[in-house]
N, C-alpha and C. Protein backbone atom coordinates (compact mmCIF):
# COMPACT_ATOMS: atom_id res chain seq x y z
N MET A 1 -14.80 8.25 -6.97
CA MET A 1 -13.60 7.27 -7.07
C MET A 1 -12.42 7.92 -6.59
N GLU A 2 -12.02 8.99 -6.62
CA GLU A 2 -11.02 9.99 -5.98
C GLU A 2 -10.94 9.73 -4.36
N GLU A 3 -12.01 9.35 -3.95
CA GLU A 3 -11.64 8.96 -2.53
C GLU A 3 -11.15 7.76 -2.29
N LEU A 4 -11.20 6.95 -3.17
CA LEU A 4 -10.19 5.62 -3.02
C LEU A 4 -8.67 6.13 -2.96
N TYR A 5 -8.33 6.95 -3.98
CA TYR A 5 -7.00 7.38 -3.91
C TYR A 5 -6.76 8.02 -2.58
N ASP A 6 -7.30 8.70 -2.28
CA ASP A 6 -7.14 9.64 -1.01
C ASP A 6 -7.11 8.70 0.19
N LEU A 7 -7.91 7.75 0.25
CA LEU A 7 -8.10 6.47 1.22
C LEU A 7 -6.54 5.82 1.35
N VAL A 8 -6.10 5.42 0.05
CA VAL A 8 -4.87 4.65 0.23
C VAL A 8 -3.73 5.57 0.54
N GLU A 9 -3.65 6.77 -0.06
CA GLU A 9 -2.66 7.40 0.43
C GLU A 9 -2.66 7.78 1.86
N HIS A 10 -3.81 8.09 2.50
CA HIS A 10 -4.05 8.27 3.82
C HIS A 10 -3.55 7.15 4.53
N ALA A 11 -3.86 5.63 4.41
CA ALA A 11 -3.70 4.44 4.86
C ALA A 11 -2.10 4.28 4.72
N ILE A 12 -1.31 4.71 3.83
CA ILE A 12 0.05 4.53 3.78
C ILE A 12 0.62 5.57 4.89
N ASP A 13 0.21 6.58 4.99
CA ASP A 13 0.60 7.72 5.67
C ASP A 13 0.40 7.42 7.26
N ASN A 14 -0.68 6.70 7.39
CA ASN A 14 -1.02 6.23 8.82
C ASN A 14 -0.32 4.89 9.19
N ALA A 15 -0.10 4.21 8.12
CA ALA A 15 1.11 3.12 8.42
C ALA A 15 2.47 3.42 8.98
N PHE A 16 2.90 4.38 8.40
CA PHE A 16 4.32 5.05 8.68
C PHE A 16 4.22 5.75 9.95
N GLU A 17 3.34 6.83 9.82
CA GLU A 17 3.38 7.58 11.16
C GLU A 17 2.59 7.01 12.27
N ASN A 18 1.66 6.33 12.30
CA ASN A 18 0.93 5.93 13.46
C ASN A 18 0.81 4.29 13.93
N GLU A 19 1.52 3.59 13.03
CA GLU A 19 1.35 2.27 12.96
C GLU A 19 0.07 1.56 13.02
N ASP A 20 -0.79 2.25 12.04
CA ASP A 20 -2.16 2.00 12.37
C ASP A 20 -2.23 1.20 10.83
N TYR A 21 -2.82 0.20 10.77
CA TYR A 21 -2.90 -0.76 9.58
C TYR A 21 -4.40 -1.30 9.50
N SER A 22 -5.30 -0.52 9.64
CA SER A 22 -6.94 -0.61 9.63
C SER A 22 -7.56 -0.57 8.51
N PHE A 23 -7.13 0.05 7.37
CA PHE A 23 -7.74 0.06 6.25
C PHE A 23 -7.99 -1.14 5.48
N ASN A 24 -8.96 -1.69 5.11
CA ASN A 24 -9.40 -2.77 4.47
C ASN A 24 -10.06 -2.48 3.01
N CYS A 25 -9.14 -2.22 2.12
CA CYS A 25 -9.60 -2.06 0.69
C CYS A 25 -10.65 -2.71 0.18
N TYR A 26 -10.64 -4.24 0.40
CA TYR A 26 -11.68 -4.96 -0.30
C TYR A 26 -13.03 -4.68 0.34
N GLN A 27 -13.06 -4.34 1.54
CA GLN A 27 -14.47 -4.13 2.34
C GLN A 27 -14.61 -2.60 1.90
N TYR A 28 -13.75 -1.81 1.68
CA TYR A 28 -14.24 -0.51 1.29
C TYR A 28 -14.83 -0.74 -0.12
N LEU A 29 -14.30 -1.39 -0.94
CA LEU A 29 -14.71 -1.59 -2.32
C LEU A 29 -16.20 -2.05 -2.29
N ILE A 30 -16.33 -3.13 -1.58
CA ILE A 30 -17.53 -3.90 -1.47
C ILE A 30 -18.84 -2.64 -0.85
N GLN A 31 -18.23 -2.20 0.21
CA GLN A 31 -19.20 -1.16 1.01
C GLN A 31 -19.79 -0.24 0.10
N GLN A 32 -18.79 0.29 -0.90
CA GLN A 32 -19.06 1.23 -1.53
C GLN A 32 -19.75 1.05 -3.02
N SER A 33 -19.48 -0.32 -3.22
CA SER A 33 -20.18 -0.60 -4.62
C SER A 33 -19.57 0.17 -5.71
N ILE A 34 -18.08 -0.07 -5.76
CA ILE A 34 -17.54 0.80 -6.77
C ILE A 34 -17.33 -0.31 -8.09
N ASP A 35 -17.30 0.58 -9.06
CA ASP A 35 -17.61 -0.58 -10.27
C ASP A 35 -16.06 -1.09 -10.84
N LYS A 36 -15.95 -2.07 -11.16
CA LYS A 36 -14.76 -2.97 -11.54
C LYS A 36 -13.80 -2.20 -12.56
N GLU A 37 -14.13 -1.31 -13.32
CA GLU A 37 -13.43 -0.49 -14.23
C GLU A 37 -12.78 0.47 -13.47
N SER A 38 -13.56 1.09 -12.70
CA SER A 38 -12.76 2.28 -11.92
C SER A 38 -11.71 1.51 -11.12
N VAL A 39 -11.94 0.39 -10.55
CA VAL A 39 -11.09 -0.28 -9.43
C VAL A 39 -9.60 -0.71 -10.77
N LYS A 40 -10.09 -1.02 -11.89
CA LYS A 40 -8.69 -1.27 -12.75
C LYS A 40 -7.94 -0.11 -13.11
N GLU A 41 -8.64 0.90 -13.36
CA GLU A 41 -7.86 2.35 -13.34
C GLU A 41 -7.25 2.71 -12.25
N PHE A 42 -7.50 2.51 -11.06
CA PHE A 42 -6.86 2.69 -9.95
C PHE A 42 -5.63 1.65 -9.78
N ILE A 43 -5.64 0.39 -10.45
CA ILE A 43 -4.66 -0.60 -10.34
C ILE A 43 -3.31 0.15 -11.13
N VAL A 44 -3.89 0.80 -12.32
CA VAL A 44 -2.54 1.41 -13.05
C VAL A 44 -2.29 2.77 -12.87
N SER A 45 -2.99 3.25 -11.58
CA SER A 45 -2.74 4.62 -11.38
C SER A 45 -1.08 4.86 -10.79
N SER A 46 -1.01 6.07 -10.87
CA SER A 46 0.42 6.52 -10.13
C SER A 46 0.17 6.18 -8.71
N THR A 47 -0.92 6.39 -8.01
CA THR A 47 -1.14 5.96 -6.59
C THR A 47 -0.58 4.40 -6.26
N ALA A 48 -1.40 3.41 -6.94
CA ALA A 48 -0.78 2.22 -6.98
C ALA A 48 0.42 1.99 -7.25
N GLY A 49 1.10 2.55 -8.42
CA GLY A 49 2.56 2.39 -8.74
C GLY A 49 3.34 2.93 -7.51
N ASN A 50 3.09 3.96 -6.96
CA ASN A 50 4.10 4.37 -5.78
C ASN A 50 3.65 3.56 -4.78
N THR A 51 2.60 2.88 -4.49
CA THR A 51 2.62 1.88 -3.51
C THR A 51 3.48 0.76 -3.57
N ALA A 52 3.63 0.38 -4.93
CA ALA A 52 4.39 -0.90 -5.27
C ALA A 52 5.93 -0.28 -5.18
N LEU A 53 6.12 0.88 -5.52
CA LEU A 53 7.82 1.23 -5.45
C LEU A 53 7.87 1.10 -3.74
N ILE A 54 6.99 1.56 -3.25
CA ILE A 54 7.42 1.59 -1.51
C ILE A 54 7.63 0.33 -1.05
N ILE A 55 6.87 -0.65 -1.70
CA ILE A 55 6.81 -1.98 -1.46
C ILE A 55 8.40 -2.31 -1.74
N ARG A 56 8.69 -2.19 -2.80
CA ARG A 56 9.89 -2.74 -3.73
C ARG A 56 11.08 -2.22 -2.64
N ASP A 57 11.35 -0.82 -2.32
CA ASP A 57 12.16 -0.09 -1.61
C ASP A 57 12.40 -0.78 -0.16
N LEU A 58 11.01 -1.09 0.34
CA LEU A 58 11.04 -1.65 1.83
C LEU A 58 11.90 -2.91 1.61
N ARG A 59 11.46 -3.78 0.43
CA ARG A 59 12.28 -5.07 0.37
C ARG A 59 13.87 -5.02 0.26
N LEU A 60 13.95 -4.17 -0.36
CA LEU A 60 15.43 -3.92 -0.50
C LEU A 60 15.97 -3.54 0.98
N TYR A 61 15.40 -2.66 1.79
CA TYR A 61 15.79 -2.32 3.00
C TYR A 61 16.19 -3.81 3.74
N ILE A 62 15.28 -4.50 4.00
CA ILE A 62 15.01 -5.82 4.52
C ILE A 62 16.09 -7.02 3.90
N GLN A 63 15.87 -7.07 2.58
CA GLN A 63 16.77 -8.19 1.93
C GLN A 63 18.07 -7.70 1.88
N GLU A 64 18.76 -6.60 1.19
CA GLU A 64 19.68 -6.39 0.83
C GLU A 64 20.49 -5.20 1.67
N ASP A 65 19.98 -4.63 2.51
CA ASP A 65 20.20 -3.53 3.32
C ASP A 65 21.17 -2.35 2.19
N GLU A 66 20.16 -2.01 1.00
CA GLU A 66 20.43 -1.14 0.13
C GLU A 66 20.44 0.09 0.87
N THR A 67 21.62 0.96 0.49
CA THR A 67 21.87 2.19 1.20
C THR A 67 20.67 3.10 1.19
N THR A 68 20.30 3.60 -0.09
CA THR A 68 19.19 4.64 -0.18
C THR A 68 17.73 4.08 0.67
N ALA A 69 17.54 2.88 0.37
CA ALA A 69 16.40 2.08 1.09
C ALA A 69 16.69 2.19 2.67
N THR A 70 17.79 1.69 3.45
CA THR A 70 18.12 2.00 4.56
C THR A 70 17.85 3.33 5.18
N GLU A 71 18.52 4.31 4.17
CA GLU A 71 18.39 5.47 4.90
C GLU A 71 16.93 5.98 4.89
N ALA A 72 16.14 5.73 4.19
CA ALA A 72 14.62 6.03 4.13
C ALA A 72 14.05 5.09 5.21
N TYR A 73 14.16 3.78 5.41
CA TYR A 73 13.30 3.18 6.17
C TYR A 73 14.05 2.56 7.17
N GLY A 74 15.16 2.80 7.51
CA GLY A 74 15.93 1.92 8.39
C GLY A 74 15.16 2.23 9.87
N HIS A 75 14.89 3.56 10.12
CA HIS A 75 14.07 3.98 11.31
C HIS A 75 12.95 3.05 11.81
N LEU A 76 12.29 2.29 10.75
CA LEU A 76 11.18 1.25 11.10
C LEU A 76 11.61 0.11 11.82
N GLY A 77 12.71 -0.40 11.57
CA GLY A 77 13.32 -1.72 11.80
C GLY A 77 12.71 -2.59 10.81
N LYS A 78 13.25 -3.70 10.81
CA LYS A 78 12.99 -4.62 9.82
C LYS A 78 11.75 -5.54 9.93
N ASP A 79 11.39 -5.85 11.34
CA ASP A 79 10.28 -6.14 11.50
C ASP A 79 8.97 -5.52 11.29
N ARG A 80 8.91 -4.22 11.76
CA ARG A 80 8.20 -3.11 11.15
C ARG A 80 7.73 -2.96 9.85
N ALA A 81 8.94 -3.03 9.23
CA ALA A 81 8.90 -3.09 7.61
C ALA A 81 8.22 -3.77 7.13
N ARG A 82 8.43 -5.35 7.67
CA ARG A 82 7.92 -6.38 7.26
C ARG A 82 6.27 -6.25 7.41
N VAL A 83 5.85 -5.68 8.30
CA VAL A 83 4.34 -5.69 8.56
C VAL A 83 3.71 -4.37 7.53
N VAL A 84 4.72 -3.28 7.29
CA VAL A 84 4.28 -2.57 6.38
C VAL A 84 4.09 -2.93 4.99
N ILE A 85 5.08 -3.72 4.68
CA ILE A 85 5.01 -4.38 3.27
C ILE A 85 3.62 -5.39 3.19
N ASP A 86 3.31 -6.36 4.17
CA ASP A 86 2.46 -6.86 4.06
C ASP A 86 1.04 -6.06 4.01
N TYR A 87 0.93 -5.04 4.67
CA TYR A 87 -0.07 -4.37 4.70
C TYR A 87 -0.28 -3.58 3.31
N LEU A 88 0.65 -3.00 2.67
CA LEU A 88 0.57 -2.36 1.49
C LEU A 88 0.05 -3.19 0.63
N TYR A 89 0.85 -4.29 0.50
CA TYR A 89 0.62 -5.39 -0.61
C TYR A 89 -0.91 -6.01 -0.49
N ALA A 90 -1.52 -6.02 0.85
CA ALA A 90 -2.92 -6.36 0.97
C ALA A 90 -3.93 -5.36 0.16
N ILE A 91 -3.31 -4.03 0.21
CA ILE A 91 -4.34 -3.11 -0.28
C ILE A 91 -4.45 -3.36 -1.72
N LEU A 92 -3.05 -3.52 -2.34
CA LEU A 92 -3.10 -3.73 -3.59
C LEU A 92 -3.57 -4.79 -4.12
N ASN A 93 -3.40 -6.19 -3.31
CA ASN A 93 -3.99 -7.10 -3.77
C ASN A 93 -5.57 -7.19 -3.72
N ASP A 94 -5.92 -6.66 -2.75
CA ASP A 94 -7.61 -6.51 -2.38
C ASP A 94 -8.11 -5.77 -3.93
N ALA A 95 -7.46 -4.69 -4.61
CA ALA A 95 -7.97 -4.02 -5.49
C ALA A 95 -7.94 -5.06 -6.92
N VAL A 96 -6.95 -5.76 -6.83
CA VAL A 96 -6.83 -6.49 -8.04
C VAL A 96 -7.94 -7.61 -7.91
N ARG A 97 -8.04 -8.38 -6.39
CA ARG A 97 -8.94 -9.34 -6.17
C ARG A 97 -10.56 -9.00 -6.52
N TYR A 98 -10.70 -7.84 -6.31
CA TYR A 98 -12.05 -6.97 -6.38
C TYR A 98 -12.24 -6.55 -7.93
N SER A 99 -11.27 -6.39 -8.74
CA SER A 99 -11.62 -5.85 -10.09
C SER A 99 -11.79 -7.34 -10.94
N ARG A 100 -11.57 -8.22 -10.60
CA ARG A 100 -11.83 -9.72 -11.56
C ARG A 100 -13.46 -10.02 -11.42
């Protein structure tokens, strides 16, 4: 199960560093036959929580030009920030969908 945490963290890094949005969490969970309880643990993990915080900060940058968020993510541009939000949200949403 540690592999899921690592893959999500790697996917986040790839999104920001390489504009690579290729990790499909739902497909991974199906292929690996991860048990639903483990996925529920991931959903409440610090990795998932940090991902949600990144999404929140990106939204603050896009919607409110909040100073700290703009300093952290302004280099992306708002269009790319939207793509990253959608990608990270999809990862979290896939985990929730799979856990049901």
